[in-house]
């Protein structure tokens, strides 16, 4: 199942994407107080069946938002692709490098991202986003798959001067709109192996990143297990799993994003996430 979230005049709604059309989910099923973005919420929708969905509208007619609902945590993993660590001339981590972004950074497919004017070194990072489906603590690697609601394309936009100004990356990572995510949330049953997905980033049609999630140092299920040792994971939480080689910071600084650039993140089975920087 593919879940989208889109803006209306006064609120946001969830829908099911199929064949380029969006079938809106009744608000009584998809309201925040019903914990819709969870394994239980999606299962409840499946049990209700297609007859509860509203008439379809074309996807192209909608303004998409990130397919999330107020995530408690957005957890990020740095240096998690072997060739990315190599291009930055950094040692391969022996423990996951964990940092965070905040909900203010979320934006959706088709969003226009305002460059801040406080940093000329704005970078792109294509990433596989994992959305948690139920509460878990101290999750064994062998059981981690049971906690995954689904996956999405993400772009961990980064203001590199701000990021590297101190020992903490947060200020350069969580500017408004600096986490495009979408276009949809693809439920885990449609992604049998998250470690065998091609992943690319294109800027103005030129391929900047091209890799496979098989190059991850710490696979998805190991990351879920590791993070859950230190913090309780809850339905709707997001884990960004790192970016492959090809970022601007690894190319000598000649490929920083500039106003007018169009950025696409493409991940096998998950679709294409398009944004424009302004």
C-alpha atoms as a PDB file:
ATOM      1  CA  UNK A   1       0.000   0.000   0.000  1.00  0.00           C
ATOM      2  CA  UNK A   2       1.153   3.527  -0.806  1.00  0.00           C
ATOM      3  CA  UNK A   3       0.025   6.281   1.578  1.00  0.00           C
ATOM      4  CA  UNK A   4       0.141   9.980   0.721  1.00  0.00           C
ATOM      5  CA  UNK A   5      -0.717  13.084   2.676  1.00  0.00           C
ATOM      6  CA  UNK A   6      -1.983  16.193   0.937  1.00  0.00           C
ATOM      7  CA  UNK A   7      -3.052  19.710   1.827  1.00  0.00           C
ATOM      8  CA  UNK A   8      -6.638  20.929   1.726  1.00  0.00           C
ATOM      9  CA  UNK A   9      -7.930  24.450   2.340  1.00  0.00           C
ATOM     10  CA  UNK A  10      -7.851  24.137   6.103  1.00  0.00           C
ATOM     11  CA  UNK A  11      -6.160  20.867   7.019  1.00  0.00           C
ATOM     12  CA  UNK A  12      -4.303  17.816   5.701  1.00  0.00           C
ATOM     13  CA  UNK A  13      -5.684  14.451   4.636  1.00  0.00           C
ATOM     14  CA  UNK A  14      -4.302  10.988   4.006  1.00  0.00           C
ATOM     15  CA  UNK A  15      -5.022   8.930   0.932  1.00  0.00           C
ATOM     16  CA  UNK A  16      -4.125   5.688  -0.802  1.00  0.00           C
ATOM     17  CA  UNK A  17      -2.157   6.085  -4.033  1.00  0.00           C
ATOM     18  CA  UNK A  18      -2.859   3.650  -6.866  1.00  0.00           C
ATOM     19  CA  UNK A  19      -2.311   4.080 -10.591  1.00  0.00           C
ATOM     20  CA  UNK A  20      -1.705   7.820 -10.393  1.00  0.00           C
ATOM     21  CA  UNK A  21      -4.944   8.381  -8.486  1.00  0.00           C
ATOM     22  CA  UNK A  22      -5.481   9.155  -4.800  1.00  0.00           C
ATOM     23  CA  UNK A  23      -8.371   7.641  -2.852  1.00  0.00           C
ATOM     24  CA  UNK A  24      -8.908   9.711   0.284  1.00  0.00           C
ATOM     25  CA  UNK A  25      -9.164   7.919   3.604  1.00  0.00           C
ATOM     26  CA  UNK A  26     -12.117   8.992   5.775  1.00  0.00           C
ATOM     27  CA  UNK A  27     -11.021  11.306   8.561  1.00  0.00           C
ATOM     28  CA  UNK A  28     -12.530   9.060  11.211  1.00  0.00           C
ATOM     29  CA  UNK A  29     -10.038   6.362  10.203  1.00  0.00           C
ATOM     30  CA  UNK A  30      -7.018   8.583   9.615  1.00  0.00           C
ATOM     31  CA  UNK A  31      -7.291  11.114  12.437  1.00  0.00           C
ATOM     32  CA  UNK A  32      -4.237  11.624  14.673  1.00  0.00           C
ATOM     33  CA  UNK A  33      -6.073  10.411  17.782  1.00  0.00           C
ATOM     34  CA  UNK A  34      -6.638   7.046  16.084  1.00  0.00           C
ATOM     35  CA  UNK A  35      -2.881   6.600  15.560  1.00  0.00           C
ATOM     36  CA  UNK A  36      -3.423   5.918  11.871  1.00  0.00           C
ATOM     37  CA  UNK A  37       0.258   5.839  10.905  1.00  0.00           C
ATOM     38  CA  UNK A  38       0.960   2.645  12.773  1.00  0.00           C
ATOM     39  CA  UNK A  39       0.825  -1.057  12.045  1.00  0.00           C
ATOM     40  CA  UNK A  40      -2.546  -1.241  13.806  1.00  0.00           C
ATOM     41  CA  UNK A  41      -3.880   1.760  11.906  1.00  0.00           C
ATOM     42  CA  UNK A  42      -2.928   0.386   8.501  1.00  0.00           C
ATOM     43  CA  UNK A  43      -4.301  -3.045   9.400  1.00  0.00           C
ATOM     44  CA  UNK A  44      -7.598  -1.432  10.433  1.00  0.00           C
ATOM     45  CA  UNK A  45      -7.765   0.247   7.025  1.00  0.00           C
ATOM     46  CA  UNK A  46      -7.097  -3.050   5.257  1.00  0.00           C
ATOM     47  CA  UNK A  47      -9.878  -4.737   7.229  1.00  0.00           C
ATOM     48  CA  UNK A  48     -12.346  -1.982   6.311  1.00  0.00           C
ATOM     49  CA  UNK A  49     -11.657  -2.613   2.637  1.00  0.00           C
ATOM     50  CA  UNK A  50     -11.679  -0.415  -0.453  1.00  0.00           C
ATOM     51  CA  UNK A  51     -15.350   0.451  -0.066  1.00  0.00           C
ATOM     52  CA  UNK A  52     -14.565   2.928   2.732  1.00  0.00           C
ATOM     53  CA  UNK A  53     -12.273   4.993   0.493  1.00  0.00           C
ATOM     54  CA  UNK A  54     -13.583   8.154  -1.128  1.00  0.00           C
ATOM     55  CA  UNK A  55     -13.739   8.724  -4.918  1.00  0.00           C
ATOM     56  CA  UNK A  56     -10.362   9.083  -6.585  1.00  0.00           C
ATOM     57  CA  UNK A  57      -8.707  12.331  -7.639  1.00  0.00           C
ATOM     58  CA  UNK A  58      -5.583  12.653  -9.810  1.00  0.00           C
ATOM     59  CA  UNK A  59      -2.330  12.730  -7.874  1.00  0.00           C
ATOM     60  CA  UNK A  60      -1.119  15.587 -10.078  1.00  0.00           C
ATOM     61  CA  UNK A  61      -3.952  17.808  -8.817  1.00  0.00           C
ATOM     62  CA  UNK A  62      -2.852  17.594  -5.172  1.00  0.00           C
ATOM     63  CA  UNK A  63      -0.277  19.473  -3.115  1.00  0.00           C
ATOM     64  CA  UNK A  64       1.604  16.731  -1.305  1.00  0.00           C
ATOM     65  CA  UNK A  65       3.026  16.974   2.188  1.00  0.00           C
ATOM     66  CA  UNK A  66       5.404  14.593   3.938  1.00  0.00           C
ATOM     67  CA  UNK A  67       3.403  11.362   4.519  1.00  0.00           C
ATOM     68  CA  UNK A  68       3.856  11.536   8.289  1.00  0.00           C
ATOM     69  CA  UNK A  69       1.832  12.687  11.271  1.00  0.00           C
ATOM     70  CA  UNK A  70       3.801  14.673  13.858  1.00  0.00           C
ATOM     71  CA  UNK A  71       6.677  12.203  14.360  1.00  0.00           C
ATOM     72  CA  UNK A  72       8.043  12.207  17.875  1.00  0.00           C
ATOM     73  CA  UNK A  73      11.563  11.555  16.624  1.00  0.00           C
ATOM     74  CA  UNK A  74      13.494  11.953  13.379  1.00  0.00           C
ATOM     75  CA  UNK A  75      16.699   9.999  13.928  1.00  0.00           C
ATOM     76  CA  UNK A  76      19.533  10.320  11.430  1.00  0.00           C
ATOM     77  CA  UNK A  77      22.545   8.134  10.770  1.00  0.00           C
ATOM     78  CA  UNK A  78      25.776   9.635   9.435  1.00  0.00           C
ATOM     79  CA  UNK A  79      28.501   7.969   7.364  1.00  0.00           C
ATOM     80  CA  UNK A  80      26.538   4.777   6.816  1.00  0.00           C
ATOM     81  CA  UNK A  81      27.684   3.955   3.275  1.00  0.00           C
ATOM     82  CA  UNK A  82      31.182   2.602   2.769  1.00  0.00           C
ATOM     83  CA  UNK A  83      31.952   4.585  -0.373  1.00  0.00           C
ATOM     84  CA  UNK A  84      30.559   7.761   1.180  1.00  0.00           C
ATOM     85  CA  UNK A  85      32.975   7.444   4.096  1.00  0.00           C
ATOM     86  CA  UNK A  86      35.764   6.870   1.573  1.00  0.00           C
ATOM     87  CA  UNK A  87      34.945   9.969  -0.501  1.00  0.00           C
ATOM     88  CA  UNK A  88      35.114  12.107   2.657  1.00  0.00           C
ATOM     89  CA  UNK A  89      38.390  10.408   3.622  1.00  0.00           C
ATOM     90  CA  UNK A  90      36.899   9.333   6.940  1.00  0.00           C
ATOM     91  CA  UNK A  91      37.224   6.038   8.740  1.00  0.00           C
ATOM     92  CA  UNK A  92      34.390   3.552   8.489  1.00  0.00           C
ATOM     93  CA  UNK A  93      32.442   3.880  11.773  1.00  0.00           C
ATOM     94  CA  UNK A  94      32.429   0.951  14.156  1.00  0.00           C
ATOM     95  CA  UNK A  95      29.282   2.288  15.854  1.00  0.00           C
ATOM     96  CA  UNK A  96      26.369   4.103  14.168  1.00  0.00           C
ATOM     97  CA  UNK A  97      26.768   7.899  14.090  1.00  0.00           C
ATOM     98  CA  UNK A  98      23.451   9.215  15.407  1.00  0.00           C
ATOM     99  CA  UNK A  99      22.078  12.757  15.219  1.00  0.00           C
ATOM    100  CA  UNK A 100      18.629  14.293  14.771  1.00  0.00           C
ATOM    101  CA  UNK A 101      16.474  16.516  12.650  1.00  0.00           C
ATOM    102  CA  UNK A 102      13.232  18.113  13.867  1.00  0.00           C
ATOM    103  CA  UNK A 103       9.721  18.220  12.450  1.00  0.00           C
ATOM    104  CA  UNK A 104      10.141  21.816  11.231  1.00  0.00           C
ATOM    105  CA  UNK A 105      12.521  20.456   8.591  1.00  0.00           C
ATOM    106  CA  UNK A 106       9.857  18.264   6.953  1.00  0.00           C
ATOM    107  CA  UNK A 107       8.567  19.134   3.500  1.00  0.00           C
ATOM    108  CA  UNK A 108       6.758  17.184   0.820  1.00  0.00           C
ATOM    109  CA  UNK A 109       7.095  16.132  -2.791  1.00  0.00           C
ATOM    110  CA  UNK A 110       7.165  19.178  -5.068  1.00  0.00           C
ATOM    111  CA  UNK A 111       8.107  21.567  -2.284  1.00  0.00           C
ATOM    112  CA  UNK A 112      10.093  24.720  -2.939  1.00  0.00           C
ATOM    113  CA  UNK A 113      12.893  24.934  -0.385  1.00  0.00           C
ATOM    114  CA  UNK A 114      14.127  28.390   0.534  1.00  0.00           C
ATOM    115  CA  UNK A 115      17.895  28.654   0.827  1.00  0.00           C
ATOM    116  CA  UNK A 116      18.637  30.610   3.936  1.00  0.00           C
ATOM    117  CA  UNK A 117      21.244  33.152   2.850  1.00  0.00           C
ATOM    118  CA  UNK A 118      23.344  32.142   5.861  1.00  0.00           C
ATOM    119  CA  UNK A 119      25.261  29.368   4.103  1.00  0.00           C
ATOM    120  CA  UNK A 120      26.486  29.117   0.515  1.00  0.00           C
ATOM    121  CA  UNK A 121      27.313  25.423   0.851  1.00  0.00           C
ATOM    122  CA  UNK A 122      23.950  23.673   0.627  1.00  0.00           C
ATOM    123  CA  UNK A 123      24.233  19.951  -0.067  1.00  0.00           C
ATOM    124  CA  UNK A 124      21.875  17.135  -1.058  1.00  0.00           C
ATOM    125  CA  UNK A 125      21.772  13.660   0.504  1.00  0.00           C
ATOM    126  CA  UNK A 126      19.554  10.936  -0.948  1.00  0.00           C
ATOM    127  CA  UNK A 127      18.449   8.623   1.861  1.00  0.00           C
ATOM    128  CA  UNK A 128      16.164   5.695   2.600  1.00  0.00           C
ATOM    129  CA  UNK A 129      13.722   6.696   5.343  1.00  0.00           C
ATOM    130  CA  UNK A 130      12.315   4.007   7.631  1.00  0.00           C
ATOM    131  CA  UNK A 131       9.032   4.693   9.448  1.00  0.00           C
ATOM    132  CA  UNK A 132       8.384   2.792  12.674  1.00  0.00           C
ATOM    133  CA  UNK A 133       4.993   1.119  13.099  1.00  0.00           C
ATOM    134  CA  UNK A 134       4.710   0.300  16.806  1.00  0.00           C
ATOM    135  CA  UNK A 135       6.330   0.967  20.175  1.00  0.00           C
ATOM    136  CA  UNK A 136       9.534  -0.911  20.880  1.00  0.00           C
ATOM    137  CA  UNK A 137      12.511  -0.914  23.233  1.00  0.00           C
ATOM    138  CA  UNK A 138      15.593  -3.160  23.148  1.00  0.00           C
ATOM    139  CA  UNK A 139      14.422  -4.688  19.891  1.00  0.00           C
ATOM    140  CA  UNK A 140      16.457  -7.718  18.749  1.00  0.00           C
ATOM    141  CA  UNK A 141      17.807  -7.505  15.199  1.00  0.00           C
ATOM    142  CA  UNK A 142      15.898 -10.692  14.411  1.00  0.00           C
ATOM    143  CA  UNK A 143      12.600  -8.978  15.287  1.00  0.00           C
ATOM    144  CA  UNK A 144      13.274  -5.495  13.897  1.00  0.00           C
ATOM    145  CA  UNK A 145      11.355  -6.101  10.662  1.00  0.00           C
ATOM    146  CA  UNK A 146       8.191  -6.549  12.737  1.00  0.00           C
ATOM    147  CA  UNK A 147       8.438  -2.895  13.825  1.00  0.00           C
ATOM    148  CA  UNK A 148       8.661  -1.334  10.356  1.00  0.00           C
ATOM    149  CA  UNK A 149       5.562   0.383   9.029  1.00  0.00           C
ATOM    150  CA  UNK A 150       7.120   1.382   5.731  1.00  0.00           C
ATOM    151  CA  UNK A 151       9.722   3.243   3.732  1.00  0.00           C
ATOM    152  CA  UNK A 152      10.050   6.507   1.806  1.00  0.00           C
ATOM    153  CA  UNK A 153      12.517   8.567  -0.187  1.00  0.00           C
ATOM    154  CA  UNK A 154      14.187  11.377   1.746  1.00  0.00           C
ATOM    155  CA  UNK A 155      16.652  14.187   1.074  1.00  0.00           C
ATOM    156  CA  UNK A 156      18.738  15.148   4.100  1.00  0.00           C
ATOM    157  CA  UNK A 157      19.523  18.680   2.921  1.00  0.00           C
ATOM    158  CA  UNK A 158      22.539  20.057   4.751  1.00  0.00           C
ATOM    159  CA  UNK A 159      24.005  23.530   5.260  1.00  0.00           C
ATOM    160  CA  UNK A 160      27.618  22.409   5.430  1.00  0.00           C
ATOM    161  CA  UNK A 161      29.253  25.538   6.859  1.00  0.00           C
ATOM    162  CA  UNK A 162      26.767  25.601   9.717  1.00  0.00           C
ATOM    163  CA  UNK A 163      27.010  21.840  10.156  1.00  0.00           C
ATOM    164  CA  UNK A 164      30.789  21.860  10.471  1.00  0.00           C
ATOM    165  CA  UNK A 165      31.107  25.049  12.526  1.00  0.00           C
ATOM    166  CA  UNK A 166      31.045  23.121  15.806  1.00  0.00           C
ATOM    167  CA  UNK A 167      31.156  19.518  16.951  1.00  0.00           C
ATOM    168  CA  UNK A 168      27.344  19.314  16.739  1.00  0.00           C
ATOM    169  CA  UNK A 169      25.675  18.977  13.321  1.00  0.00           C
ATOM    170  CA  UNK A 170      22.123  19.956  14.296  1.00  0.00           C
ATOM    171  CA  UNK A 171      22.025  23.620  13.259  1.00  0.00           C
ATOM    172  CA  UNK A 172      23.123  22.773   9.725  1.00  0.00           C
ATOM    173  CA  UNK A 173      20.716  19.880   9.393  1.00  0.00           C
ATOM    174  CA  UNK A 174      17.339  21.019  10.648  1.00  0.00           C
ATOM    175  CA  UNK A 175      16.585  24.304   8.903  1.00  0.00           C
ATOM    176  CA  UNK A 176      12.988  24.840   7.812  1.00  0.00           C
ATOM    177  CA  UNK A 177      12.067  22.521   4.954  1.00  0.00           C
ATOM    178  CA  UNK A 178      15.446  20.773   4.911  1.00  0.00           C
ATOM    179  CA  UNK A 179      13.936  17.267   4.990  1.00  0.00           C
ATOM    180  CA  UNK A 180      11.882  16.605   1.863  1.00  0.00           C
ATOM    181  CA  UNK A 181      10.239  13.198   2.324  1.00  0.00           C
ATOM    182  CA  UNK A 182       7.875  11.263   0.088  1.00  0.00           C
ATOM    183  CA  UNK A 183       6.200  11.265  -2.335  1.00  0.00           C
ATOM    184  CA  UNK A 184       4.477   8.470  -0.454  1.00  0.00           C
ATOM    185  CA  UNK A 185       4.968   6.010   2.368  1.00  0.00           C
ATOM    186  CA  UNK A 186       5.274   2.508   0.935  1.00  0.00           C
ATOM    187  CA  UNK A 187       4.243  -0.139   3.445  1.00  0.00           C
ATOM    188  CA  UNK A 188       6.833  -2.729   4.376  1.00  0.00           C
ATOM    189  CA  UNK A 189       5.042  -5.619   2.684  1.00  0.00           C
ATOM    190  CA  UNK A 190       5.909  -4.033  -0.680  1.00  0.00           C
ATOM    191  CA  UNK A 191       9.635  -3.831   0.158  1.00  0.00           C
ATOM    192  CA  UNK A 192      10.769  -7.393   0.874  1.00  0.00           C
ATOM    193  CA  UNK A 193      14.468  -6.510   1.252  1.00  0.00           C
ATOM    194  CA  UNK A 194      15.459  -2.943   2.199  1.00  0.00           C
ATOM    195  CA  UNK A 195      19.126  -3.843   1.599  1.00  0.00           C
ATOM    196  CA  UNK A 196      18.671  -4.394  -2.134  1.00  0.00           C
ATOM    197  CA  UNK A 197      17.332  -1.050  -3.367  1.00  0.00           C
ATOM    198  CA  UNK A 198      18.951   1.183  -5.960  1.00  0.00           C
ATOM    199  CA  UNK A 199      19.188   4.798  -4.788  1.00  0.00           C
ATOM    200  CA  UNK A 200      19.978   7.894  -6.838  1.00  0.00           C
ATOM    201  CA  UNK A 201      20.040  11.671  -6.571  1.00  0.00           C
ATOM    202  CA  UNK A 202      19.791  13.900  -9.629  1.00  0.00           C
ATOM    203  CA  UNK A 203      20.294  17.668  -9.812  1.00  0.00           C
ATOM    204  CA  UNK A 204      18.800  19.289 -12.908  1.00  0.00           C
ATOM    205  CA  UNK A 205      18.713  15.831 -14.476  1.00  0.00           C
ATOM    206  CA  UNK A 206      22.397  15.094 -13.864  1.00  0.00           C
ATOM    207  CA  UNK A 207      23.110  12.032 -11.738  1.00  0.00           C
ATOM    208  CA  UNK A 208      25.057  13.027  -8.623  1.00  0.00           C
ATOM    209  CA  UNK A 209      24.552   9.907  -6.501  1.00  0.00           C
ATOM    210  CA  UNK A 210      24.018   6.333  -7.697  1.00  0.00           C
ATOM    211  CA  UNK A 211      24.341   3.413  -5.327  1.00  0.00           C
ATOM    212  CA  UNK A 212      22.508   0.573  -3.637  1.00  0.00           C
ATOM    213  CA  UNK A 213      21.403   0.160  -0.043  1.00  0.00           C
ATOM    214  CA  UNK A 214      23.558  -2.978   0.016  1.00  0.00           C
ATOM    215  CA  UNK A 215      26.510  -0.596   0.587  1.00  0.00           C
ATOM    216  CA  UNK A 216      25.212   0.362   4.044  1.00  0.00           C
ATOM    217  CA  UNK A 217      27.657  -0.262   6.864  1.00  0.00           C
ATOM    218  CA  UNK A 218      24.854  -0.808   9.379  1.00  0.00           C
ATOM    219  CA  UNK A 219      21.760  -2.356   7.739  1.00  0.00           C
ATOM    220  CA  UNK A 220      18.244  -1.147   8.476  1.00  0.00           C
ATOM    221  CA  UNK A 221      17.353  -3.795  11.039  1.00  0.00           C
ATOM    222  CA  UNK A 222      20.636  -3.334  12.915  1.00  0.00           C
ATOM    223  CA  UNK A 223      19.960   0.409  13.104  1.00  0.00           C
ATOM    224  CA  UNK A 224      16.480  -0.159  14.537  1.00  0.00           C
ATOM    225  CA  UNK A 225      17.892  -2.510  17.151  1.00  0.00           C
ATOM    226  CA  UNK A 226      20.767  -0.178  18.026  1.00  0.00           C
ATOM    227  CA  UNK A 227      18.674   2.967  18.408  1.00  0.00           C
ATOM    228  CA  UNK A 228      16.055   1.123  20.474  1.00  0.00           C
ATOM    229  CA  UNK A 229      18.701   0.269  23.062  1.00  0.00           C
ATOM    230  CA  UNK A 230      18.842   3.930  24.068  1.00  0.00           C
ATOM    231  CA  UNK A 231      15.403   5.346  23.294  1.00  0.00           C
ATOM    232  CA  UNK A 232      11.912   3.938  22.970  1.00  0.00           C
ATOM    233  CA  UNK A 233      10.768   3.898  19.364  1.00  0.00           C
ATOM    234  CA  UNK A 234       7.144   4.785  18.693  1.00  0.00           C
ATOM    235  CA  UNK A 235       4.782   4.557  15.748  1.00  0.00           C
ATOM    236  CA  UNK A 236       5.532   7.343  13.291  1.00  0.00           C
ATOM    237  CA  UNK A 237       9.161   7.795  14.298  1.00  0.00           C
ATOM    238  CA  UNK A 238      11.551   8.102  11.362  1.00  0.00           C
ATOM    239  CA  UNK A 239      15.063   6.754  10.934  1.00  0.00           C
ATOM    240  CA  UNK A 240      17.127   8.183   8.070  1.00  0.00           C
ATOM    241  CA  UNK A 241      19.655   5.535   7.144  1.00  0.00           C
ATOM    242  CA  UNK A 242      22.492   7.595   5.668  1.00  0.00           C
ATOM    243  CA  UNK A 243      23.531   8.716   2.197  1.00  0.00           C
ATOM    244  CA  UNK A 244      25.755   7.158  -0.464  1.00  0.00           C
ATOM    245  CA  UNK A 245      28.750   8.707  -2.196  1.00  0.00           C
ATOM    246  CA  UNK A 246      28.429  11.672  -4.553  1.00  0.00           C
ATOM    247  CA  UNK A 247      27.513  14.533  -2.214  1.00  0.00           C
ATOM    248  CA  UNK A 248      28.785  18.008  -3.066  1.00  0.00           C
ATOM    249  CA  UNK A 249      31.001  18.046   0.008  1.00  0.00           C
ATOM    250  CA  UNK A 250      32.851  15.075  -1.419  1.00  0.00           C
ATOM    251  CA  UNK A 251      33.431  16.630  -4.839  1.00  0.00           C
ATOM    252  CA  UNK A 252      35.671  19.528  -3.834  1.00  0.00           C
ATOM    253  CA  UNK A 253      32.771  21.917  -3.323  1.00  0.00           C
ATOM    254  CA  UNK A 254      31.975  22.383  -7.012  1.00  0.00           C
ATOM    255  CA  UNK A 255      28.411  21.115  -6.920  1.00  0.00           C
ATOM    256  CA  UNK A 256      26.655  23.016  -4.130  1.00  0.00           C
ATOM    257  CA  UNK A 257      22.963  23.620  -4.685  1.00  0.00           C
ATOM    258  CA  UNK A 258      21.932  27.037  -5.957  1.00  0.00           C
ATOM    259  CA  UNK A 259      18.591  28.799  -6.414  1.00  0.00           C
ATOM    260  CA  UNK A 260      16.605  27.294  -9.253  1.00  0.00           C
ATOM    261  CA  UNK A 261      18.105  23.821  -8.980  1.00  0.00           C
ATOM    262  CA  UNK A 262      15.730  20.881  -9.208  1.00  0.00           C
ATOM    263  CA  UNK A 263      16.625  17.895  -7.064  1.00  0.00           C
ATOM    264  CA  UNK A 264      15.243  14.381  -7.413  1.00  0.00           C
ATOM    265  CA  UNK A 265      15.728  11.421  -5.089  1.00  0.00           C
ATOM    266  CA  UNK A 266      14.857   8.066  -6.622  1.00  0.00           C
ATOM    267  CA  UNK A 267      14.703   4.785  -4.709  1.00  0.00           C
ATOM    268  CA  UNK A 268      13.668   1.490  -6.230  1.00  0.00           C
ATOM    269  CA  UNK A 269      10.066   0.533  -5.335  1.00  0.00           C
ATOM    270  CA  UNK A 270       9.509   3.871  -3.535  1.00  0.00           C
ATOM    271  CA  UNK A 271       9.189   6.386  -6.368  1.00  0.00           C
ATOM    272  CA  UNK A 272      10.735   9.771  -7.059  1.00  0.00           C
ATOM    273  CA  UNK A 273      10.876  12.715  -4.653  1.00  0.00           C
ATOM    274  CA  UNK A 274      11.156  16.068  -6.443  1.00  0.00           C
ATOM    275  CA  UNK A 275      12.026  19.421  -4.886  1.00  0.00           C
ATOM    276  CA  UNK A 276      13.209  22.807  -6.088  1.00  0.00           C
ATOM    277  CA  UNK A 277      15.553  25.087  -4.172  1.00  0.00           C
ATOM    278  CA  UNK A 278      14.831  28.808  -4.256  1.00  0.00           C
END
